[in-house]
Protein backbone atom coordinates (compact mmCIF):
# COMPACT_ATOMS: atom_id res chain seq x y z
CA GLN A 1 31.62 8.54 -20.86
CA GLU A 2 30.53 4.92 -20.89
CA ASN A 3 28.48 3.51 -18.09
CA LEU A 4 25.77 1.09 -17.07
CA VAL A 5 22.92 2.11 -14.80
CA GLU A 6 20.70 -0.41 -13.06
CA SER A 7 17.24 0.39 -11.75
CA GLY A 8 14.11 -1.37 -10.59
CA GLY A 9 15.28 -2.78 -7.29
CA GLY A 10 13.34 -2.44 -4.09
CA TRP A 11 11.53 -4.34 -1.38
CA VAL A 12 9.06 -7.06 -2.19
CA GLN A 13 7.30 -9.79 -0.24
CA PRO A 14 8.11 -13.45 -0.94
CA GLY A 15 6.33 -14.58 -4.06
CA GLY A 16 6.40 -11.11 -5.54
CA SER A 17 8.01 -9.81 -8.73
CA LEU A 18 10.44 -7.13 -9.77
CA ARG A 19 11.90 -6.13 -13.11
CA LEU A 20 15.43 -4.83 -13.13
CA SER A 21 16.71 -2.66 -15.95
CA CYS A 22 20.28 -2.08 -17.08
CA THR A 23 20.72 0.83 -19.47
CA ALA A 24 23.98 1.55 -21.23
CA SER A 25 25.18 4.98 -22.24
CA GLY A 26 28.14 5.86 -24.38
CA PHE A 27 28.21 2.52 -26.15
CA SER A 28 25.82 0.01 -27.69
CA LEU A 29 24.81 -3.27 -26.10
CA ARG A 30 23.59 -4.62 -29.42
CA GLY A 31 25.25 -7.88 -30.36
CA TYR A 32 27.27 -8.22 -27.18
CA ALA A 33 26.85 -10.45 -24.19
CA ILE A 34 25.64 -8.94 -20.96
CA GLY A 35 25.16 -10.54 -17.60
CA TRP A 36 23.37 -10.05 -14.32
CA PHE A 37 25.22 -10.84 -11.11
CA ARG A 38 24.28 -10.52 -7.47
CA GLN A 39 26.06 -10.24 -4.16
CA ALA A 40 24.45 -10.91 -0.82
CA PRO A 41 26.01 -9.68 2.44
CA GLY A 42 28.97 -11.83 3.40
CA LYS A 43 28.86 -13.80 0.17
CA GLU A 44 30.77 -13.74 -3.08
CA ARG A 45 29.32 -12.21 -6.19
CA GLU A 46 27.60 -14.85 -8.32
CA GLY A 47 26.34 -14.96 -11.87
CA VAL A 48 22.57 -15.00 -12.12
CA SER A 49 21.88 -14.78 -15.84
CA CYS A 50 23.63 -14.02 -19.07
CA ASP A 51 22.41 -13.20 -22.55
CA SER A 52 25.03 -14.14 -25.12
CA ALA A 53 23.37 -11.96 -27.79
CA SER A 54 24.95 -13.07 -31.06
CA LEU A 55 25.13 -16.72 -29.98
CA GLY A 56 21.43 -16.73 -29.20
CA ARG A 57 21.92 -18.44 -25.85
CA THR A 58 20.94 -17.56 -22.33
CA TYR A 59 22.27 -18.81 -19.03
CA TYR A 60 20.58 -18.98 -15.66
CA LEU A 61 21.80 -19.89 -12.23
CA ASP A 62 20.10 -23.15 -11.23
CA SER A 63 18.33 -21.57 -8.28
CA VAL A 64 16.60 -18.98 -10.49
CA LYS A 65 15.68 -21.15 -13.48
CA GLY A 66 11.99 -20.92 -14.24
CA ARG A 67 11.63 -17.76 -12.14
CA PHE A 68 13.95 -15.20 -13.79
CA THR A 69 14.02 -14.14 -17.43
CA ILE A 70 16.64 -12.04 -19.15
CA SER A 71 15.70 -9.97 -22.18
CA ARG A 72 16.89 -6.92 -24.05
CA ASP A 73 15.51 -3.98 -25.97
CA ASN A 74 18.15 -2.83 -28.42
CA ALA A 75 16.19 0.29 -29.32
CA LYS A 76 16.41 1.40 -25.67
CA ASN A 77 19.94 0.02 -25.23
CA THR A 78 18.61 -1.78 -22.17
CA VAL A 79 18.71 -5.29 -20.75
CA TYR A 80 16.08 -6.49 -18.31
CA LEU A 81 15.87 -9.14 -15.65
CA GLN A 82 12.31 -10.14 -14.87
CA MET A 83 12.23 -11.78 -11.46
CA ASN A 84 9.13 -13.70 -10.41
CA SER A 85 8.31 -15.85 -7.40
CA LEU A 86 10.99 -14.07 -5.43
CA LYS A 87 12.40 -15.74 -2.33
CA PRO A 88 14.20 -14.28 0.68
CA GLU A 89 17.40 -15.91 -0.57
CA ASP A 90 17.22 -13.71 -3.67
CA THR A 91 17.98 -10.72 -1.47
CA ALA A 92 21.18 -9.10 -2.76
CA VAL A 93 22.62 -6.20 -4.65
CA TYR A 94 22.16 -6.93 -8.34
CA TYR A 95 24.69 -5.75 -10.92
CA CYS A 96 24.81 -5.85 -14.67
CA TYR A 97 28.06 -6.39 -16.52
CA SER A 98 29.06 -5.69 -20.10
CA THR A 99 31.63 -8.11 -21.47
CA VAL A 100 32.55 -5.94 -24.43
CA ARG A 101 33.55 -3.03 -22.18
CA ASN A 102 34.43 -4.99 -19.01
CA LEU A 103 32.12 -2.56 -17.27
CA TRP A 104 29.97 -2.96 -14.16
CA GLY A 105 26.95 -0.96 -13.14
CA GLN A 106 26.62 0.53 -9.67
CA GLY A 107 24.12 -2.07 -8.50
CA THR A 108 20.53 -2.02 -7.31
CA GLN A 109 19.33 -3.47 -4.02
CA VAL A 110 16.68 -6.19 -4.03
CA THR A 111 15.18 -7.14 -0.67
CA VAL A 112 12.69 -9.98 -0.33
CA SER A 113 11.07 -10.28 3.07
CA ALA A 114 7.69 -10.62 4.71
């Protein structure tokens, strides 16, 4: 069975950091694009970051540029999203998405508040 599992979410104060992980099972992420999305209550899901893999390009939502970094560890079949200088407006459920399998993870909650 193929799936994606996110982890690393939680509560953090403004200015803090979290690292989200997205681990695939049943298939390899190597060489394929994978993205991080988020959805806040009452809002549409939006793309946060994408690693194009074979194209060697990364994408970031303007509001997270300079604060978030996407990376991957092919040996662990895992993609990460390092989030620094977190703001209350970053509060959302974060999902990873595999383009090659059209597969979403279950999401992990990130809450940024004082």
